[in-house]
Structure formats: C-alpha cells, structure tokens
Amino acid sequence: MIKLLSLADFISLTNALFGFFSILVLFSGFFDDFNLKIHISFSFILLGLLADGLDGIIARRFSKSKIGEYLESMADMTTMVIAPSVFVYFVYINTSLVSDNIFRIIYLLFALLLFVFFGFVRLASFNVMKEKKLFVGLPASASTIIILILSYIEIDFILILPTVIIIGAAMASTIEFLKPNIYVNISAAILIFLCIILDRSFYNIAPLLLLIAILIYSVGGPIFRFFNAKKQRKGF
C-alpha cells in the first residue's frame, strides 16, 4: 500500500500528524504550563494548515496518486475539524466559569458536536462539489483559523459558542467563496508564521491580523461576488 503514496500524500500525512500532535500536547504531562500547552497545540494546527496548502502545490506540480484526494480529506478532518474542536474544548473547560457549570459544559459540547458534524459533511463532499474558481461552503482552513484564534485569545465563552455553530454551518452551506490567489496565500502563510513565532506578544497583534484577514475573506468574498453577479445581470 505504501507504493500507492506520492510525495503530496506524505505531506498530507504530515498534516494529519500535526493535528494529532496538537491534541496529544494538550493532554500530555510533558508541559505543566497551561499557556505553553496552548501555544504549542495552536502552532501544530497552524503548521498542519501550511502542510495542507503545500500538498496541493506539490500535487499540481508533480502528480496525484489514486488515493490522494481521499487521504487529503482524512488529514484535513484531523487537523481542521477534530483538532480545533478539542482545542476549543480544552481552552474553555479549564476556566472556572465552565468547569463548575454542567449546563455550560453541555452547551460547549453541543456546539462542538455541530461543528464536527458540519466539518465532516463539508470535507466528505469537497471532491463532489469542487469547482475550479470557487469554493462551495466556507473553506475548512478559514473556519479553523477563525475558531482557533478566537479561542486562543480567549474571547468570552458566551460568544465563542454561537460563533462555532455559525462557522460550522457556513462550511456545509452552498455559499460560494472565491479561491484566493497566490499572493493572498503567501500573505496568509507569513501571518501564520508570525503567529507561531510571536505567540501573544504585542497585544496579540499577529493572531489578530490573521483573524482580520480571514474575516475579510469570509465576509467580503461572498458580498463582492453577489454585487458582481448583480452587475453582470444588468449588463454592465
């Protein structure tokens, strides 16, 4: 079976391993410092996102294997659905406002289960609904970054849960998002590296810049597409 794998597939496997390590760090006894655990787990998920972008480049440059698309989806489910869900759970379950309140724990689990459900549906149907110039549904990478950073900077518990549900629903929606060009992808990669290096330094400047960039893409893309389509229908 190993012979079936291409270079891009090994990068996809690296993506999955980063997602696995991000979970392992949270529940291991190697690090006693809570903030250090959070940052290392956060960094592993971001590295998984970079690996996901790289495997696509390698696959287009060289060749795809017969199992490449399936393997990529499975890797993405690990890094972009399961790992961020566990990350959000770990961050908020360790606050006294949540850990001492059974109703908040149930609310948290309900929101995360919905996110996992939507994420699995989105990734399982990705190859079926794939378009050349568009993403159908909010890309899993963008969804991951949004909920990852919001929980990383620890926004209020009441705000994170509806956000998780809304982002999950957007993943499995039929809303169309433009595929970013290479310059946008390079800018995102730079911001991801800055998040890993700077951590929460300078008032969370790196995570906030990445979050703002992704929110502009997530909200601005469909709005631009809507008005552009309306303009074309009028014949302008």
Protein backbone atom coordinates (compact mmCIF):
# COMPACT_ATOMS: atom_id res chain seq x y z
CA MET A 1 0.00 0.00 0.00
CA ILE A 2 2.90 2.36 0.68
CA LYS A 3 3.70 2.21 -3.04
CA LEU A 4 0.40 3.94 -3.74
CA LEU A 5 1.60 7.09 -1.99
CA SER A 6 3.01 10.10 -3.81
CA LEU A 7 5.12 12.95 -2.40
CA ALA A 8 1.96 15.02 -1.92
CA ASP A 9 0.44 12.16 0.07
CA PHE A 10 3.34 12.14 2.52
CA ILE A 11 2.78 15.86 3.08
CA SER A 12 -0.91 15.13 3.68
CA LEU A 13 0.14 12.56 6.27
CA THR A 14 2.36 15.21 7.87
CA ASN A 15 -0.71 17.44 8.03
CA ALA A 16 -2.60 14.69 9.88
CA LEU A 17 0.33 14.13 12.27
CA PHE A 18 0.43 17.82 13.14
CA GLY A 19 -3.27 17.62 14.03
CA PHE A 20 -2.64 14.53 16.15
CA PHE A 21 0.31 16.15 17.95
CA SER A 22 -1.77 19.25 18.69
CA ILE A 23 -4.23 17.06 20.61
CA LEU A 24 -1.52 14.98 22.25
CA VAL A 25 0.21 18.07 23.65
CA LEU A 26 -2.96 19.26 25.37
CA PHE A 27 -3.47 16.05 27.32
CA SER A 28 0.14 15.01 27.88
CA GLY A 29 2.14 15.59 31.03
CA PHE A 30 5.20 16.92 29.23
CA PHE A 31 4.27 20.56 29.80
CA ASP A 32 3.00 21.87 33.11
CA ASP A 33 2.47 25.43 31.94
CA PHE A 34 -1.08 25.86 30.59
CA ASN A 35 -0.21 28.75 28.27
CA LEU A 36 2.74 26.83 26.83
CA LYS A 37 0.50 23.84 26.08
CA ILE A 38 -1.99 26.11 24.36
CA HIS A 39 0.65 27.79 22.21
CA ILE A 40 2.32 24.53 21.13
CA SER A 41 -1.04 22.95 20.25
CA PHE A 42 -2.08 26.14 18.43
CA SER A 43 1.20 26.09 16.48
CA PHE A 44 0.83 22.45 15.45
CA ILE A 45 -2.61 23.14 13.98
CA LEU A 46 -1.26 26.13 12.05
CA LEU A 47 1.63 24.01 10.76
CA GLY A 48 -0.97 21.47 9.61
CA LEU A 49 -2.70 24.22 7.64
CA LEU A 50 0.59 25.10 5.96
CA ALA A 51 1.16 21.43 5.11
CA ASP A 52 -2.33 21.28 3.62
CA GLY A 53 -1.51 24.18 1.31
CA LEU A 54 1.83 22.64 0.38
CA ASP A 55 0.40 19.24 -0.56
CA GLY A 56 -1.90 20.93 -3.09
CA ILE A 57 1.04 22.74 -4.67
CA ILE A 58 3.09 19.53 -4.86
CA ALA A 59 0.15 17.57 -6.30
CA ARG A 60 -0.36 20.16 -9.05
CA ARG A 61 3.36 20.40 -9.79
CA PHE A 62 4.02 16.68 -9.97
CA SER A 63 1.24 14.10 -9.89
CA LYS A 64 -1.61 12.83 -7.77
CA SER A 65 -1.91 9.29 -6.53
CA LYS A 66 -5.10 7.25 -6.75
CA ILE A 67 -5.76 7.73 -3.05
CA GLY A 68 -4.50 11.32 -2.81
CA GLU A 69 -7.87 13.08 -2.61
CA TYR A 70 -9.21 10.65 -0.01
CA LEU A 71 -6.06 10.88 2.07
CA GLU A 72 -6.12 14.67 1.98
CA SER A 73 -9.73 14.78 3.18
CA MET A 74 -8.93 12.42 6.05
CA ALA A 75 -5.90 14.51 7.04
CA ASP A 76 -7.98 17.69 6.91
CA MET A 77 -10.62 16.10 9.14
CA THR A 78 -7.92 15.54 11.74
CA THR A 79 -6.29 18.97 11.60
CA MET A 80 -9.23 21.20 10.64
CA VAL A 81 -12.16 19.57 12.39
CA ILE A 82 -11.16 17.28 15.26
CA ALA A 83 -8.03 19.12 16.48
CA PRO A 84 -9.58 22.64 16.63
CA SER A 85 -12.68 21.23 18.33
CA VAL A 86 -10.53 19.59 21.01
CA PHE A 87 -8.52 22.82 21.28
CA VAL A 88 -11.64 24.92 21.93
CA TYR A 89 -12.88 22.37 24.46
CA PHE A 90 -9.56 22.30 26.31
CA VAL A 91 -9.25 26.10 26.48
CA TYR A 92 -12.73 26.71 27.88
CA ILE A 93 -13.15 23.60 30.04
CA ASN A 94 -10.15 24.79 32.06
CA THR A 95 -11.85 28.04 33.07
CA SER A 96 -13.80 28.17 36.33
CA LEU A 97 -16.79 29.70 34.53
CA VAL A 98 -17.23 26.48 32.54
CA SER A 99 -15.74 23.65 34.60
CA ASP A 100 -18.05 24.40 37.55
CA ASN A 101 -21.22 24.63 35.47
CA ILE A 102 -22.69 21.45 33.95
CA PHE A 103 -25.05 23.42 31.68
CA ARG A 104 -22.14 25.34 30.14
CA ILE A 105 -20.25 22.09 29.58
CA ILE A 106 -23.28 20.64 27.77
CA TYR A 107 -23.64 23.85 25.73
CA LEU A 108 -19.94 23.66 24.80
CA LEU A 109 -20.16 20.00 23.76
CA PHE A 110 -23.32 20.62 21.74
CA ALA A 111 -21.69 23.47 19.78
CA LEU A 112 -18.55 21.45 19.11
CA LEU A 113 -20.51 18.36 18.03
CA LEU A 114 -22.35 20.51 15.49
CA PHE A 115 -19.04 21.89 14.25
CA VAL A 116 -17.66 18.37 13.85
CA PHE A 117 -20.82 17.27 12.04
CA PHE A 118 -20.70 20.20 9.61
CA GLY A 119 -16.95 19.79 9.14
CA PHE A 120 -17.22 16.11 8.25
CA VAL A 121 -20.04 16.81 5.79
CA ARG A 122 -18.05 19.64 4.19
CA LEU A 123 -14.84 17.63 3.76
CA ALA A 124 -16.58 14.43 2.67
CA SER A 125 -18.42 16.30 -0.09
CA PHE A 126 -15.50 18.53 -1.11
CA ASN A 127 -14.41 16.47 -4.12
CA VAL A 128 -18.00 16.03 -5.30
CA MET A 129 -18.78 19.77 -5.24
CA LYS A 130 -15.34 21.01 -6.26
CA GLU A 131 -15.23 24.00 -8.63
CA LYS A 132 -12.23 25.40 -10.49
CA LYS A 133 -12.53 29.03 -9.39
CA LEU A 134 -14.79 28.74 -6.36
CA PHE A 135 -15.17 27.04 -3.01
CA VAL A 136 -18.69 25.86 -2.21
CA GLY A 137 -19.04 26.49 1.51
CA LEU A 138 -16.55 28.29 3.72
CA PRO A 139 -13.15 26.58 3.34
CA ALA A 140 -12.26 24.37 6.29
CA SER A 141 -8.92 26.17 6.62
CA ALA A 142 -10.64 29.54 7.08
CA SER A 143 -13.12 28.03 9.55
CA THR A 144 -10.28 26.50 11.55
CA ILE A 145 -8.35 29.77 11.76
CA ILE A 146 -11.40 31.72 12.95
CA ILE A 147 -12.41 29.46 15.83
CA LEU A 148 -8.78 28.65 16.66
CA ILE A 149 -7.73 32.28 17.09
CA LEU A 150 -10.91 33.34 18.88
CA SER A 151 -10.38 30.61 21.47
CA TYR A 152 -6.61 31.24 21.56
CA ILE A 153 -7.17 34.85 22.59
CA GLU A 154 -9.94 33.56 24.88
CA ILE A 155 -12.93 35.64 23.85
CA ASP A 156 -15.93 35.40 26.14
CA PHE A 157 -17.44 31.92 26.47
CA ILE A 158 -20.90 33.20 25.50
CA LEU A 159 -19.51 34.50 22.20
CA ILE A 160 -17.36 31.55 21.15
CA LEU A 161 -20.19 29.00 21.07
CA PRO A 162 -22.57 30.69 18.60
CA THR A 163 -19.51 31.53 16.52
CA VAL A 164 -18.51 27.85 16.40
CA ILE A 165 -22.02 26.88 15.25
CA ILE A 166 -22.26 29.65 12.63
CA ILE A 167 -18.81 28.90 11.22
CA GLY A 168 -19.63 25.19 11.10
CA ALA A 169 -22.88 25.86 9.25
CA ALA A 170 -21.04 28.13 6.79
CA MET A 171 -18.67 25.25 5.98
CA ALA A 172 -21.55 23.00 4.95
CA SER A 173 -23.50 25.76 3.17
CA THR A 174 -23.83 26.40 -0.56
CA ILE A 175 -22.39 29.92 -0.27
CA GLU A 176 -19.69 30.43 -2.87
CA PHE A 177 -16.27 31.78 -1.95
CA LEU A 178 -13.61 32.87 -4.41
CA LYS A 179 -10.39 30.87 -4.35
CA PRO A 180 -7.56 33.12 -3.10
CA ASN A 181 -4.69 33.80 -5.47
CA ILE A 182 -1.06 33.05 -4.74
CA TYR A 183 -0.38 36.48 -3.22
CA VAL A 184 -3.18 36.04 -0.71
CA ASN A 185 -1.92 32.56 0.16
CA ILE A 186 1.64 33.82 0.67
CA SER A 187 0.38 36.65 2.88
CA ALA A 188 -1.63 34.15 4.96
CA ALA A 189 1.43 31.88 5.30
CA ILE A 190 3.53 34.81 6.54
CA LEU A 191 0.88 35.73 9.12
CA ILE A 192 0.71 32.09 10.25
CA PHE A 193 4.48 32.02 10.82
CA LEU A 194 4.23 35.30 12.75
CA CYS A 195 1.52 33.77 14.97
CA ILE A 196 3.78 30.82 15.75
CA ILE A 197 6.84 32.98 16.42
CA LEU A 198 5.29 35.94 18.26
CA ASP A 199 2.70 34.00 20.27
CA ARG A 200 0.54 36.58 22.12
CA SER A 201 3.23 39.26 22.14
CA PHE A 202 2.40 42.88 21.38
CA TYR A 203 -1.26 42.59 22.40
CA ASN A 204 -1.96 39.53 20.19
CA ILE A 205 -1.04 41.53 17.10
CA ALA A 206 -0.13 38.54 14.88
CA PRO A 207 -3.22 36.38 15.68
CA LEU A 208 -5.48 39.43 15.35
CA LEU A 209 -4.03 40.38 11.96
CA LEU A 210 -4.54 36.82 10.69
CA LEU A 211 -8.08 36.78 12.08
CA ILE A 212 -8.94 40.11 10.43
CA ALA A 213 -7.56 38.90 7.09
CA ILE A 214 -9.62 35.70 7.24
CA LEU A 215 -12.78 37.56 8.30
CA ILE A 216 -12.38 39.98 5.39
CA TYR A 217 -12.11 37.00 3.04
CA SER A 218 -15.03 35.15 4.67
CA VAL A 219 -17.41 38.10 4.70
CA GLY A 220 -16.11 40.26 1.87
CA GLY A 221 -15.77 37.46 -0.70
CA PRO A 222 -19.47 36.50 -0.90
CA ILE A 223 -20.54 40.19 -0.78
CA PHE A 224 -18.22 41.04 -3.67
CA ARG A 225 -19.44 38.02 -5.63
CA PHE A 226 -23.09 38.96 -5.03
CA PHE A 227 -22.72 42.53 -6.28
CA ASN A 228 -20.50 41.45 -9.18
CA ALA A 229 -23.12 38.90 -10.30
CA LYS A 230 -25.86 41.53 -9.94
CA LYS A 231 -23.83 43.95 -12.01
CA GLN A 232 -23.32 41.34 -14.76
CA ARG A 233 -27.05 40.58 -14.90
CA LYS A 234 -27.74 44.26 -15.54
CA GLY A 235 -25.31 44.15 -18.45
CA PHE A 236 -22.68 46.50 -17.12
